[in-house]
């Protein structure tokens, strides 16, 4: 019996801090059996991962999936490049944007969708340091306003 719905396995929170996310795409990912079991256990890290296009195929680099504890010789290298599965015209479009406009492809999250592992890939533009400080200041100001409103209601 297949499970229905979406269950998030990991998120790349640092990506939203370092980049402006312009568009999001859903891609399948090519994994070995023990890697899927390891993802189900939640032992993956997206911190310094990125995507690249090579020979018309999309790959994710730097995604760390810990070896499955009960696995044996079938365990793969934890940081090997993994192929992402998308339509050819989507990959071509992303490749064209990345080549010319200073965009980068960053995996934002890994999740299960009806028992299949999916990766949310973001088309991102880098933030400057002053943009990051600005975003932090806005977040703090919003937190202060929410706190003041809550105190006022009580």
N, C-alpha and C. Protein backbone atom coordinates (compact mmCIF):
# COMPACT_ATOMS: atom_id res chain seq x y z
N UNK A 1 0.84 -1.18 0.00
CA UNK A 1 0.00 0.00 0.00
C UNK A 1 0.89 1.25 0.00
N UNK A 2 0.65 2.17 -0.95
CA UNK A 2 1.44 3.38 -1.04
C UNK A 2 0.88 4.45 -0.12
N UNK A 3 1.77 5.17 0.54
CA UNK A 3 1.33 6.27 1.39
C UNK A 3 1.04 7.49 0.53
N UNK A 4 -0.01 8.20 0.85
CA UNK A 4 -0.38 9.40 0.10
C UNK A 4 0.08 10.63 0.86
N UNK A 5 0.23 11.73 0.13
CA UNK A 5 0.58 13.00 0.77
C UNK A 5 2.05 13.32 0.64
N UNK A 6 2.42 14.44 1.28
CA UNK A 6 3.79 14.96 1.19
C UNK A 6 4.40 14.97 2.59
N UNK A 7 5.60 14.39 2.71
CA UNK A 7 6.31 14.39 3.99
C UNK A 7 7.71 14.93 3.73
N UNK A 8 8.04 16.05 4.36
CA UNK A 8 9.33 16.69 4.14
C UNK A 8 10.43 15.92 4.89
N UNK A 9 11.49 15.58 4.16
CA UNK A 9 12.61 14.85 4.76
C UNK A 9 13.72 15.79 5.21
N UNK A 10 13.98 16.86 4.43
CA UNK A 10 15.02 17.83 4.79
C UNK A 10 14.77 19.13 4.06
N UNK A 11 15.19 20.24 4.68
CA UNK A 11 15.08 21.54 4.06
C UNK A 11 16.42 22.25 4.10
N UNK A 12 16.65 23.11 3.11
CA UNK A 12 17.87 23.90 3.05
C UNK A 12 17.51 25.34 3.46
N UNK A 13 17.52 25.59 4.77
CA UNK A 13 17.13 26.91 5.27
C UNK A 13 18.16 27.98 4.91
N UNK A 14 19.40 27.58 4.80
CA UNK A 14 20.47 28.53 4.48
C UNK A 14 20.30 29.11 3.07
N UNK A 15 19.65 28.37 2.18
CA UNK A 15 19.45 28.84 0.82
C UNK A 15 18.61 30.11 0.80
N UNK A 16 17.57 30.17 1.65
CA UNK A 16 16.72 31.36 1.69
C UNK A 16 17.46 32.55 2.29
N UNK A 17 18.49 32.28 3.09
CA UNK A 17 19.29 33.35 3.67
C UNK A 17 20.30 33.88 2.66
N UNK A 18 20.87 32.99 1.85
CA UNK A 18 21.94 33.38 0.93
C UNK A 18 21.46 33.80 -0.45
N UNK A 19 20.23 33.43 -0.83
CA UNK A 19 19.77 33.67 -2.20
C UNK A 19 18.35 34.22 -2.22
N UNK A 20 18.04 34.94 -3.31
CA UNK A 20 16.65 35.25 -3.64
C UNK A 20 16.15 34.10 -4.49
N UNK A 21 15.06 33.45 -4.08
CA UNK A 21 14.53 32.33 -4.84
C UNK A 21 13.53 32.89 -5.85
N UNK A 22 13.86 32.81 -7.15
CA UNK A 22 13.01 33.36 -8.20
C UNK A 22 11.91 32.38 -8.59
N UNK A 23 12.29 31.13 -8.86
CA UNK A 23 11.32 30.11 -9.26
C UNK A 23 11.66 28.79 -8.57
N UNK A 24 10.62 27.94 -8.43
CA UNK A 24 10.84 26.62 -7.82
C UNK A 24 10.38 25.55 -8.81
N UNK A 25 11.15 24.46 -8.85
CA UNK A 25 10.83 23.34 -9.72
C UNK A 25 10.87 22.06 -8.90
N UNK A 26 10.05 21.09 -9.31
CA UNK A 26 10.06 19.77 -8.66
C UNK A 26 10.79 18.80 -9.58
N UNK A 27 11.69 18.02 -8.99
CA UNK A 27 12.45 17.04 -9.77
C UNK A 27 12.49 15.73 -8.99
N UNK A 28 12.49 14.64 -9.73
CA UNK A 28 12.73 13.34 -9.12
C UNK A 28 14.22 13.19 -8.92
N UNK A 29 14.62 12.20 -8.15
CA UNK A 29 16.05 11.98 -7.93
C UNK A 29 16.34 10.49 -8.05
N UNK A 30 17.48 10.18 -8.66
CA UNK A 30 17.89 8.79 -8.88
C UNK A 30 18.70 8.34 -7.67
N UNK A 31 18.13 7.44 -6.88
CA UNK A 31 18.79 6.96 -5.67
C UNK A 31 18.90 5.44 -5.67
N UNK A 32 19.85 4.93 -4.90
CA UNK A 32 19.95 3.49 -4.68
C UNK A 32 19.01 3.13 -3.53
N UNK A 33 18.70 1.85 -3.38
CA UNK A 33 17.74 1.40 -2.37
C UNK A 33 18.11 1.77 -0.96
N UNK A 34 19.40 1.60 -0.62
CA UNK A 34 19.82 1.92 0.75
C UNK A 34 19.77 3.43 0.99
N UNK A 35 19.96 4.22 -0.07
CA UNK A 35 19.88 5.68 0.07
C UNK A 35 18.45 6.11 0.39
N UNK A 36 17.48 5.47 -0.23
CA UNK A 36 16.07 5.79 0.04
C UNK A 36 15.75 5.49 1.50
N UNK A 37 16.23 4.35 1.99
CA UNK A 37 15.99 3.99 3.39
C UNK A 37 16.64 5.00 4.32
N UNK A 38 17.82 5.48 3.95
CA UNK A 38 18.51 6.47 4.75
C UNK A 38 17.76 7.81 4.74
N UNK A 39 17.20 8.19 3.60
CA UNK A 39 16.41 9.42 3.50
C UNK A 39 15.16 9.30 4.36
N UNK A 40 14.52 8.12 4.33
CA UNK A 40 13.34 7.89 5.18
C UNK A 40 13.68 8.08 6.66
N UNK A 41 14.90 7.69 7.04
CA UNK A 41 15.34 7.85 8.42
C UNK A 41 15.71 9.31 8.72
N UNK A 42 15.76 10.15 7.67
CA UNK A 42 16.04 11.58 7.86
C UNK A 42 17.50 11.92 8.01
N UNK A 43 18.38 11.10 7.48
CA UNK A 43 19.81 11.35 7.64
C UNK A 43 20.41 11.95 6.37
N UNK A 44 19.90 13.11 5.96
CA UNK A 44 20.51 13.78 4.82
C UNK A 44 20.68 15.25 5.13
N UNK A 45 21.64 15.87 4.43
CA UNK A 45 22.01 17.25 4.69
C UNK A 45 22.14 17.98 3.35
N UNK A 46 21.47 19.13 3.23
CA UNK A 46 21.50 19.91 1.99
C UNK A 46 22.34 21.18 2.11
N UNK A 47 23.08 21.32 3.20
CA UNK A 47 23.69 22.61 3.52
C UNK A 47 24.49 23.24 2.39
N UNK A 48 25.49 22.59 1.86
CA UNK A 48 26.34 23.20 0.83
C UNK A 48 26.09 22.59 -0.54
N UNK A 49 24.88 22.17 -0.81
CA UNK A 49 24.61 21.49 -2.07
C UNK A 49 24.19 22.48 -3.15
N UNK A 50 24.43 22.09 -4.39
CA UNK A 50 24.07 22.90 -5.56
C UNK A 50 23.80 21.97 -6.72
N UNK A 51 23.19 22.50 -7.78
CA UNK A 51 22.88 21.69 -8.96
C UNK A 51 23.65 22.23 -10.16
N UNK A 52 23.96 21.33 -11.09
CA UNK A 52 24.62 21.73 -12.32
C UNK A 52 24.09 20.89 -13.47
N UNK A 53 24.20 21.45 -14.67
CA UNK A 53 23.77 20.75 -15.87
C UNK A 53 25.01 20.29 -16.62
N UNK A 54 25.05 18.99 -16.95
CA UNK A 54 26.19 18.44 -17.69
C UNK A 54 25.64 17.47 -18.73
N UNK A 55 25.98 17.70 -19.97
CA UNK A 55 25.54 16.84 -21.09
C UNK A 55 24.01 16.69 -21.12
N UNK A 56 23.30 17.77 -20.86
CA UNK A 56 21.84 17.74 -20.92
C UNK A 56 21.18 17.03 -19.75
N UNK A 57 21.95 16.72 -18.72
CA UNK A 57 21.39 16.08 -17.53
C UNK A 57 21.65 16.97 -16.33
N UNK A 58 20.72 16.94 -15.37
CA UNK A 58 20.81 17.78 -14.17
C UNK A 58 21.33 16.93 -13.02
N UNK A 59 22.38 17.42 -12.33
CA UNK A 59 22.98 16.70 -11.21
C UNK A 59 22.97 17.57 -9.97
N UNK A 60 22.82 16.93 -8.82
CA UNK A 60 22.95 17.63 -7.55
C UNK A 60 24.27 17.20 -6.92
N UNK A 61 25.07 18.19 -6.49
CA UNK A 61 26.39 17.95 -5.90
C UNK A 61 26.36 18.39 -4.44
N UNK A 62 27.09 17.69 -3.59
CA UNK A 62 27.24 18.11 -2.21
C UNK A 62 26.09 17.72 -1.30
N UNK A 63 25.10 17.00 -1.80
CA UNK A 63 24.01 16.52 -0.94
C UNK A 63 24.54 15.31 -0.19
N UNK A 64 24.53 15.37 1.14
CA UNK A 64 25.10 14.29 1.94
C UNK A 64 23.98 13.39 2.45
N UNK A 65 23.97 12.14 1.99
CA UNK A 65 23.04 11.13 2.50
C UNK A 65 23.89 10.11 3.25
N UNK A 66 23.72 10.05 4.56
CA UNK A 66 24.53 9.14 5.38
C UNK A 66 24.29 7.70 4.97
N UNK A 67 25.31 6.85 5.05
CA UNK A 67 25.13 5.43 4.71
C UNK A 67 24.09 4.79 5.63
N UNK A 68 23.29 3.91 5.06
CA UNK A 68 22.24 3.22 5.83
C UNK A 68 22.91 2.27 6.82
N UNK A 69 22.51 2.37 8.10
CA UNK A 69 23.18 1.59 9.15
C UNK A 69 23.06 0.09 8.94
N UNK A 70 21.90 -0.36 8.51
CA UNK A 70 21.70 -1.80 8.32
C UNK A 70 22.11 -2.24 6.92
N UNK A 71 22.66 -1.32 6.14
CA UNK A 71 23.11 -1.65 4.79
C UNK A 71 24.43 -2.39 4.83
N UNK A 72 24.84 -2.85 3.67
CA UNK A 72 26.10 -3.60 3.61
C UNK A 72 26.91 -3.09 2.42
N UNK A 73 27.34 -3.96 1.54
CA UNK A 73 28.15 -3.56 0.40
C UNK A 73 27.39 -2.67 -0.57
N UNK A 74 26.06 -2.59 -0.44
CA UNK A 74 25.27 -1.80 -1.37
C UNK A 74 25.25 -0.32 -1.01
N UNK A 75 25.80 0.05 0.14
CA UNK A 75 25.87 1.46 0.51
C UNK A 75 26.74 2.21 -0.49
N UNK A 76 26.28 3.40 -0.88
CA UNK A 76 27.00 4.23 -1.85
C UNK A 76 27.78 5.33 -1.13
N UNK A 77 28.61 6.02 -1.89
CA UNK A 77 29.36 7.17 -1.37
C UNK A 77 28.36 8.25 -0.91
N UNK A 78 28.50 8.77 0.32
CA UNK A 78 27.51 9.71 0.87
C UNK A 78 27.37 11.02 0.09
N UNK A 79 28.43 11.49 -0.57
CA UNK A 79 28.34 12.79 -1.26
C UNK A 79 28.50 12.67 -2.78
N UNK A 80 28.20 11.51 -3.33
CA UNK A 80 28.34 11.34 -4.78
C UNK A 80 27.33 12.24 -5.51
N UNK A 81 27.67 12.68 -6.74
CA UNK A 81 26.68 13.46 -7.51
C UNK A 81 25.50 12.56 -7.88
N UNK A 82 24.29 13.08 -7.70
CA UNK A 82 23.09 12.29 -8.00
C UNK A 82 22.31 12.97 -9.12
N UNK A 83 21.79 12.15 -10.02
CA UNK A 83 21.06 12.69 -11.17
C UNK A 83 19.65 13.08 -10.76
N UNK A 84 19.22 14.25 -11.21
CA UNK A 84 17.85 14.69 -10.99
C UNK A 84 17.05 14.44 -12.26
N UNK A 85 15.80 14.10 -12.09
CA UNK A 85 14.95 13.73 -13.21
C UNK A 85 13.95 14.84 -13.51
N UNK A 86 14.14 15.49 -14.65
CA UNK A 86 13.23 16.54 -15.11
C UNK A 86 13.05 16.40 -16.61
N UNK A 87 12.05 17.09 -17.15
CA UNK A 87 11.85 17.07 -18.59
C UNK A 87 13.01 17.80 -19.28
N UNK A 88 13.36 17.31 -20.47
CA UNK A 88 14.52 17.83 -21.19
C UNK A 88 14.41 19.33 -21.47
N UNK A 89 13.21 19.78 -21.84
CA UNK A 89 13.06 21.21 -22.16
C UNK A 89 13.19 22.08 -20.90
N UNK A 90 12.77 21.56 -19.75
CA UNK A 90 12.95 22.30 -18.49
C UNK A 90 14.44 22.42 -18.17
N UNK A 91 15.17 21.32 -18.35
CA UNK A 91 16.61 21.33 -18.08
C UNK A 91 17.31 22.31 -19.02
N UNK A 92 16.92 22.31 -20.32
CA UNK A 92 17.52 23.23 -21.28
C UNK A 92 17.26 24.68 -20.90
N UNK A 93 16.03 24.97 -20.48
CA UNK A 93 15.65 26.33 -20.08
C UNK A 93 16.48 26.78 -18.87
N UNK A 94 16.59 25.90 -17.85
CA UNK A 94 17.37 26.23 -16.66
C UNK A 94 18.85 26.44 -17.01
N UNK A 95 19.37 25.59 -17.88
CA UNK A 95 20.77 25.68 -18.27
C UNK A 95 21.05 27.03 -18.96
N UNK A 96 20.13 27.45 -19.82
CA UNK A 96 20.30 28.73 -20.52
C UNK A 96 20.30 29.89 -19.53
N UNK A 97 19.39 29.85 -18.55
CA UNK A 97 19.33 30.92 -17.54
C UNK A 97 20.58 30.95 -16.67
N UNK A 98 21.04 29.78 -16.25
CA UNK A 98 22.21 29.70 -15.37
C UNK A 98 23.46 30.21 -16.10
N UNK A 99 23.57 29.89 -17.39
CA UNK A 99 24.76 30.28 -18.16
C UNK A 99 24.87 31.79 -18.32
N UNK A 100 23.75 32.50 -18.54
CA UNK A 100 23.87 33.90 -18.90
C UNK A 100 23.55 34.88 -17.78
N UNK A 101 22.56 34.63 -16.94
CA UNK A 101 22.03 35.67 -16.08
C UNK A 101 22.57 35.70 -14.65
N UNK A 102 23.57 34.90 -14.33
CA UNK A 102 24.09 34.93 -12.96
C UNK A 102 23.17 34.23 -11.97
N UNK A 103 22.34 33.32 -12.46
CA UNK A 103 21.50 32.52 -11.58
C UNK A 103 22.26 31.27 -11.17
N UNK A 104 21.77 30.62 -10.12
CA UNK A 104 22.32 29.34 -9.72
C UNK A 104 21.16 28.42 -9.33
N UNK A 105 21.37 27.14 -9.41
CA UNK A 105 20.35 26.16 -9.04
C UNK A 105 20.71 25.56 -7.69
N UNK A 106 19.77 25.66 -6.74
CA UNK A 106 20.01 25.22 -5.38
C UNK A 106 18.87 24.31 -4.94
N UNK A 107 19.18 23.11 -4.41
CA UNK A 107 18.11 22.27 -3.86
C UNK A 107 17.58 22.90 -2.58
N UNK A 108 16.26 23.15 -2.53
CA UNK A 108 15.65 23.81 -1.38
C UNK A 108 15.14 22.81 -0.35
N UNK A 109 14.58 21.69 -0.84
CA UNK A 109 14.09 20.67 0.10
C UNK A 109 14.02 19.32 -0.59
N UNK A 110 14.01 18.28 0.23
CA UNK A 110 13.82 16.91 -0.23
C UNK A 110 12.61 16.38 0.52
N UNK A 111 11.68 15.78 -0.22
CA UNK A 111 10.45 15.32 0.41
C UNK A 111 9.92 14.08 -0.29
N UNK A 112 9.02 13.39 0.41
CA UNK A 112 8.34 12.23 -0.16
C UNK A 112 6.99 12.67 -0.68
N UNK A 113 6.69 12.30 -1.92
CA UNK A 113 5.39 12.59 -2.51
C UNK A 113 4.84 11.25 -3.01
N UNK A 114 3.86 10.73 -2.29
CA UNK A 114 3.29 9.41 -2.61
C UNK A 114 4.38 8.34 -2.70
N UNK A 115 5.21 8.26 -1.70
CA UNK A 115 6.29 7.27 -1.54
C UNK A 115 7.44 7.44 -2.54
N UNK A 116 7.46 8.51 -3.31
CA UNK A 116 8.59 8.81 -4.20
C UNK A 116 9.38 9.97 -3.61
N UNK A 117 10.71 9.91 -3.75
CA UNK A 117 11.55 10.99 -3.24
C UNK A 117 11.62 12.08 -4.31
N UNK A 118 11.33 13.31 -3.91
CA UNK A 118 11.37 14.46 -4.82
C UNK A 118 12.29 15.52 -4.24
N UNK A 119 12.86 16.33 -5.13
CA UNK A 119 13.72 17.43 -4.72
C UNK A 119 13.12 18.72 -5.26
N UNK A 120 12.99 19.72 -4.41
CA UNK A 120 12.55 21.04 -4.85
C UNK A 120 13.78 21.85 -5.18
N UNK A 121 13.93 22.22 -6.46
CA UNK A 121 15.09 22.96 -6.93
C UNK A 121 14.68 24.41 -7.14
N UNK A 122 15.46 25.33 -6.60
CA UNK A 122 15.17 26.74 -6.75
C UNK A 122 16.13 27.40 -7.72
N UNK A 123 15.57 28.24 -8.60
CA UNK A 123 16.38 29.08 -9.47
C UNK A 123 16.65 30.35 -8.67
N UNK A 124 17.90 30.55 -8.26
CA UNK A 124 18.22 31.57 -7.26
C UNK A 124 19.23 32.58 -7.78
N UNK A 125 19.14 33.78 -7.21
CA UNK A 125 20.11 34.83 -7.47
C UNK A 125 20.75 35.18 -6.13
N UNK A 126 22.06 35.34 -6.10
CA UNK A 126 22.78 35.56 -4.85
C UNK A 126 22.43 36.89 -4.19
N UNK A 127 22.42 36.89 -2.86
CA UNK A 127 22.20 38.12 -2.09
C UNK A 127 23.56 38.71 -1.73
N UNK A 128 23.60 40.02 -1.67
CA UNK A 128 24.79 40.70 -1.17
C UNK A 128 24.71 40.75 0.35
N UNK A 129 25.81 41.07 1.01
CA UNK A 129 25.83 41.11 2.47
C UNK A 129 24.85 42.13 3.03
N UNK A 130 24.72 43.29 2.36
CA UNK A 130 23.81 44.30 2.89
C UNK A 130 22.35 43.84 2.74
N UNK A 131 22.06 43.04 1.72
CA UNK A 131 20.71 42.48 1.58
C UNK A 131 20.40 41.53 2.72
N UNK A 132 21.40 40.74 3.12
CA UNK A 132 21.20 39.79 4.22
C UNK A 132 20.94 40.53 5.52
N UNK A 133 21.71 41.61 5.75
CA UNK A 133 21.51 42.41 6.96
C UNK A 133 20.13 43.05 6.96
N UNK A 134 19.71 43.53 5.80
CA UNK A 134 18.39 44.15 5.63
C UNK A 134 17.28 43.15 5.97
N UNK A 135 17.41 41.94 5.45
CA UNK A 135 16.41 40.90 5.70
C UNK A 135 16.35 40.56 7.19
N UNK A 136 17.51 40.49 7.84
CA UNK A 136 17.55 40.19 9.27
C UNK A 136 16.89 41.31 10.07
N UNK A 137 17.14 42.57 9.67
CA UNK A 137 16.54 43.70 10.37
C UNK A 137 15.02 43.69 10.22
N UNK A 138 14.53 43.39 9.02
CA UNK A 138 13.08 43.32 8.80
C UNK A 138 12.46 42.19 9.63
N UNK A 139 13.13 41.06 9.69
CA UNK A 139 12.63 39.93 10.47
C UNK A 139 12.55 40.29 11.96
N UNK A 140 13.59 40.96 12.46
CA UNK A 140 13.59 41.37 13.87
C UNK A 140 12.49 42.39 14.16
N UNK A 141 12.29 43.34 13.24
CA UNK A 141 11.25 44.35 13.41
C UNK A 141 9.88 43.70 13.44
N UNK A 142 9.65 42.74 12.57
CA UNK A 142 8.36 42.04 12.53
C UNK A 142 8.13 41.28 13.84
N UNK A 143 9.18 40.65 14.34
CA UNK A 143 9.08 39.91 15.59
C UNK A 143 8.72 40.85 16.74
N UNK A 144 9.36 42.02 16.78
CA UNK A 144 9.07 43.02 17.81
C UNK A 144 7.61 43.49 17.73
N UNK A 145 7.14 43.75 16.49
CA UNK A 145 5.75 44.20 16.31
C UNK A 145 4.77 43.12 16.77
N UNK A 146 5.03 41.88 16.42
CA UNK A 146 4.15 40.78 16.83
C UNK A 146 4.13 40.65 18.35
N UNK A 147 5.29 40.80 18.97
CA UNK A 147 5.38 40.70 20.42
C UNK A 147 4.59 41.84 21.08
N UNK A 148 4.72 43.04 20.54
CA UNK A 148 3.99 44.21 21.09
C UNK A 148 2.48 44.02 20.94
N UNK A 149 2.05 43.51 19.80
CA UNK A 149 0.61 43.29 19.56
C UNK A 149 0.09 42.21 20.52
N UNK A 150 0.88 41.20 20.77
CA UNK A 150 0.46 40.12 21.67
C UNK A 150 0.31 40.65 23.10
N UNK A 151 1.29 41.47 23.54
CA UNK A 151 1.24 42.05 24.89
C UNK A 151 0.04 42.98 25.05
N UNK A 152 -0.30 43.65 23.96
CA UNK A 152 -1.42 44.60 23.99
C UNK A 152 -2.76 43.88 24.14
N UNK A 153 -2.88 42.72 23.48
CA UNK A 153 -4.13 41.95 23.52
C UNK A 153 -4.41 41.39 24.90
N UNK A 154 -3.37 41.08 25.64
CA UNK A 154 -3.53 40.41 26.95
C UNK A 154 -4.08 41.34 27.99
